[in-house]
């Protein structure tokens, strides 16, 4: 059964926090609309690391052409959720 979007959003936040080694932020306090590149300063290598974990975790494929769409936590969670089976 496919988890709801809030569960996906929560897990994506945990993955981003872990992969980027963010301090003083939790999955609950993570700003869903924060622009990861412009406001958080992540680069393509950071985004690729997050994408690889998401692909493994959810059994999906994320096309490199779609990376520019993955601007914030909310958009990433919606993208992942839309590609999940179930």
C-alpha atoms as a PDB file:
ATOM      1  CA  UNK A   1       0.000   0.000   0.000  1.00  0.00           C
ATOM      2  CA  UNK A   2       1.236   3.456  -0.933  1.00  0.00           C
ATOM      3  CA  UNK A   3       2.010   5.715   2.050  1.00  0.00           C
ATOM      4  CA  UNK A   4       0.277   9.065   2.225  1.00  0.00           C
ATOM      5  CA  UNK A   5       2.024  12.219   1.038  1.00  0.00           C
ATOM      6  CA  UNK A   6       2.666  13.414   4.618  1.00  0.00           C
ATOM      7  CA  UNK A   7       4.557  10.204   5.440  1.00  0.00           C
ATOM      8  CA  UNK A   8       6.626  10.574   2.272  1.00  0.00           C
ATOM      9  CA  UNK A   9       7.294  14.237   3.071  1.00  0.00           C
ATOM     10  CA  UNK A  10       8.439  13.310   6.589  1.00  0.00           C
ATOM     11  CA  UNK A  11      10.801  10.599   5.306  1.00  0.00           C
ATOM     12  CA  UNK A  12      12.194  12.829   2.544  1.00  0.00           C
ATOM     13  CA  UNK A  13      12.938  15.469   5.192  1.00  0.00           C
ATOM     14  CA  UNK A  14      14.790  12.866   7.269  1.00  0.00           C
ATOM     15  CA  UNK A  15      16.824  11.786   4.220  1.00  0.00           C
ATOM     16  CA  UNK A  16      17.733  15.375   3.283  1.00  0.00           C
ATOM     17  CA  UNK A  17      18.750  16.171   6.866  1.00  0.00           C
ATOM     18  CA  UNK A  18      20.858  13.016   7.086  1.00  0.00           C
ATOM     19  CA  UNK A  19      22.509  13.257   3.663  1.00  0.00           C
ATOM     20  CA  UNK A  20      23.310  16.960   3.974  1.00  0.00           C
ATOM     21  CA  UNK A  21      24.287  16.619   7.643  1.00  0.00           C
ATOM     22  CA  UNK A  22      22.041  19.507   8.627  1.00  0.00           C
ATOM     23  CA  UNK A  23      22.197  20.541  12.251  1.00  0.00           C
ATOM     24  CA  UNK A  24      19.549  22.169  14.419  1.00  0.00           C
ATOM     25  CA  UNK A  25      16.722  21.016  12.159  1.00  0.00           C
ATOM     26  CA  UNK A  26      14.310  18.102  12.481  1.00  0.00           C
ATOM     27  CA  UNK A  27      11.940  16.528  10.001  1.00  0.00           C
ATOM     28  CA  UNK A  28       9.088  18.303  11.793  1.00  0.00           C
ATOM     29  CA  UNK A  29      10.751  21.736  11.738  1.00  0.00           C
ATOM     30  CA  UNK A  30      12.080  21.493   8.168  1.00  0.00           C
ATOM     31  CA  UNK A  31      10.520  24.246   6.027  1.00  0.00           C
ATOM     32  CA  UNK A  32       8.603  22.397   3.288  1.00  0.00           C
ATOM     33  CA  UNK A  33       8.945  25.380   0.920  1.00  0.00           C
ATOM     34  CA  UNK A  34      12.629  26.174   1.538  1.00  0.00           C
ATOM     35  CA  UNK A  35      14.483  26.363  -1.786  1.00  0.00           C
ATOM     36  CA  UNK A  36      17.252  23.808  -1.402  1.00  0.00           C
ATOM     37  CA  UNK A  37      19.600  25.392  -3.930  1.00  0.00           C
ATOM     38  CA  UNK A  38      18.984  29.126  -3.513  1.00  0.00           C
ATOM     39  CA  UNK A  39      18.299  29.226   0.233  1.00  0.00           C
ATOM     40  CA  UNK A  40      20.122  26.164   1.581  1.00  0.00           C
ATOM     41  CA  UNK A  41      22.983  26.220  -0.914  1.00  0.00           C
ATOM     42  CA  UNK A  42      23.038  22.562  -1.904  1.00  0.00           C
ATOM     43  CA  UNK A  43      24.869  21.705  -5.104  1.00  0.00           C
ATOM     44  CA  UNK A  44      24.310  19.048  -7.753  1.00  0.00           C
ATOM     45  CA  UNK A  45      26.455  16.520  -5.866  1.00  0.00           C
ATOM     46  CA  UNK A  46      24.339  16.966  -2.726  1.00  0.00           C
ATOM     47  CA  UNK A  47      21.134  16.631  -4.731  1.00  0.00           C
ATOM     48  CA  UNK A  48      22.454  13.509  -6.458  1.00  0.00           C
ATOM     49  CA  UNK A  49      23.227  11.915  -3.074  1.00  0.00           C
ATOM     50  CA  UNK A  50      19.671  12.622  -1.904  1.00  0.00           C
ATOM     51  CA  UNK A  51      18.197  11.303  -5.162  1.00  0.00           C
ATOM     52  CA  UNK A  52      20.165   8.034  -4.919  1.00  0.00           C
ATOM     53  CA  UNK A  53      18.849   7.399  -1.406  1.00  0.00           C
ATOM     54  CA  UNK A  54      15.289   8.220  -2.500  1.00  0.00           C
ATOM     55  CA  UNK A  55      15.540   5.848  -5.460  1.00  0.00           C
ATOM     56  CA  UNK A  56      16.765   3.021  -3.223  1.00  0.00           C
ATOM     57  CA  UNK A  57      14.271   3.747  -0.463  1.00  0.00           C
ATOM     58  CA  UNK A  58      11.192   3.966  -2.696  1.00  0.00           C
ATOM     59  CA  UNK A  59      12.176   1.744  -5.643  1.00  0.00           C
ATOM     60  CA  UNK A  60      11.649   4.544  -8.154  1.00  0.00           C
ATOM     61  CA  UNK A  61      13.705   6.133 -10.903  1.00  0.00           C
ATOM     62  CA  UNK A  62      14.307   9.869 -10.879  1.00  0.00           C
ATOM     63  CA  UNK A  63      15.342  11.185 -14.279  1.00  0.00           C
ATOM     64  CA  UNK A  64      18.291  13.573 -14.234  1.00  0.00           C
ATOM     65  CA  UNK A  65      16.279  15.926 -16.456  1.00  0.00           C
ATOM     66  CA  UNK A  66      13.825  16.269 -13.557  1.00  0.00           C
ATOM     67  CA  UNK A  67      16.421  17.451 -11.011  1.00  0.00           C
ATOM     68  CA  UNK A  68      15.612  21.150 -11.628  1.00  0.00           C
ATOM     69  CA  UNK A  69      12.007  20.412 -10.559  1.00  0.00           C
ATOM     70  CA  UNK A  70      13.217  19.144  -7.179  1.00  0.00           C
ATOM     71  CA  UNK A  71      13.503  22.585  -5.621  1.00  0.00           C
ATOM     72  CA  UNK A  72      12.089  22.026  -2.144  1.00  0.00           C
ATOM     73  CA  UNK A  73      10.906  19.338   0.223  1.00  0.00           C
ATOM     74  CA  UNK A  74       7.263  19.621  -0.819  1.00  0.00           C
ATOM     75  CA  UNK A  75       8.059  19.254  -4.544  1.00  0.00           C
ATOM     76  CA  UNK A  76      10.423  16.327  -3.938  1.00  0.00           C
ATOM     77  CA  UNK A  77       7.823  14.512  -1.821  1.00  0.00           C
ATOM     78  CA  UNK A  78       5.114  15.075  -4.464  1.00  0.00           C
ATOM     79  CA  UNK A  79       7.478  13.847  -7.199  1.00  0.00           C
ATOM     80  CA  UNK A  80       8.402  10.701  -5.236  1.00  0.00           C
ATOM     81  CA  UNK A  81       4.785  10.029  -4.219  1.00  0.00           C
ATOM     82  CA  UNK A  82       3.558  10.305  -7.818  1.00  0.00           C
ATOM     83  CA  UNK A  83       6.073   7.682  -8.985  1.00  0.00           C
ATOM     84  CA  UNK A  84       5.433   5.126  -6.279  1.00  0.00           C
ATOM     85  CA  UNK A  85       3.544   1.943  -7.022  1.00  0.00           C
ATOM     86  CA  UNK A  86       0.424   1.202  -5.090  1.00  0.00           C
END
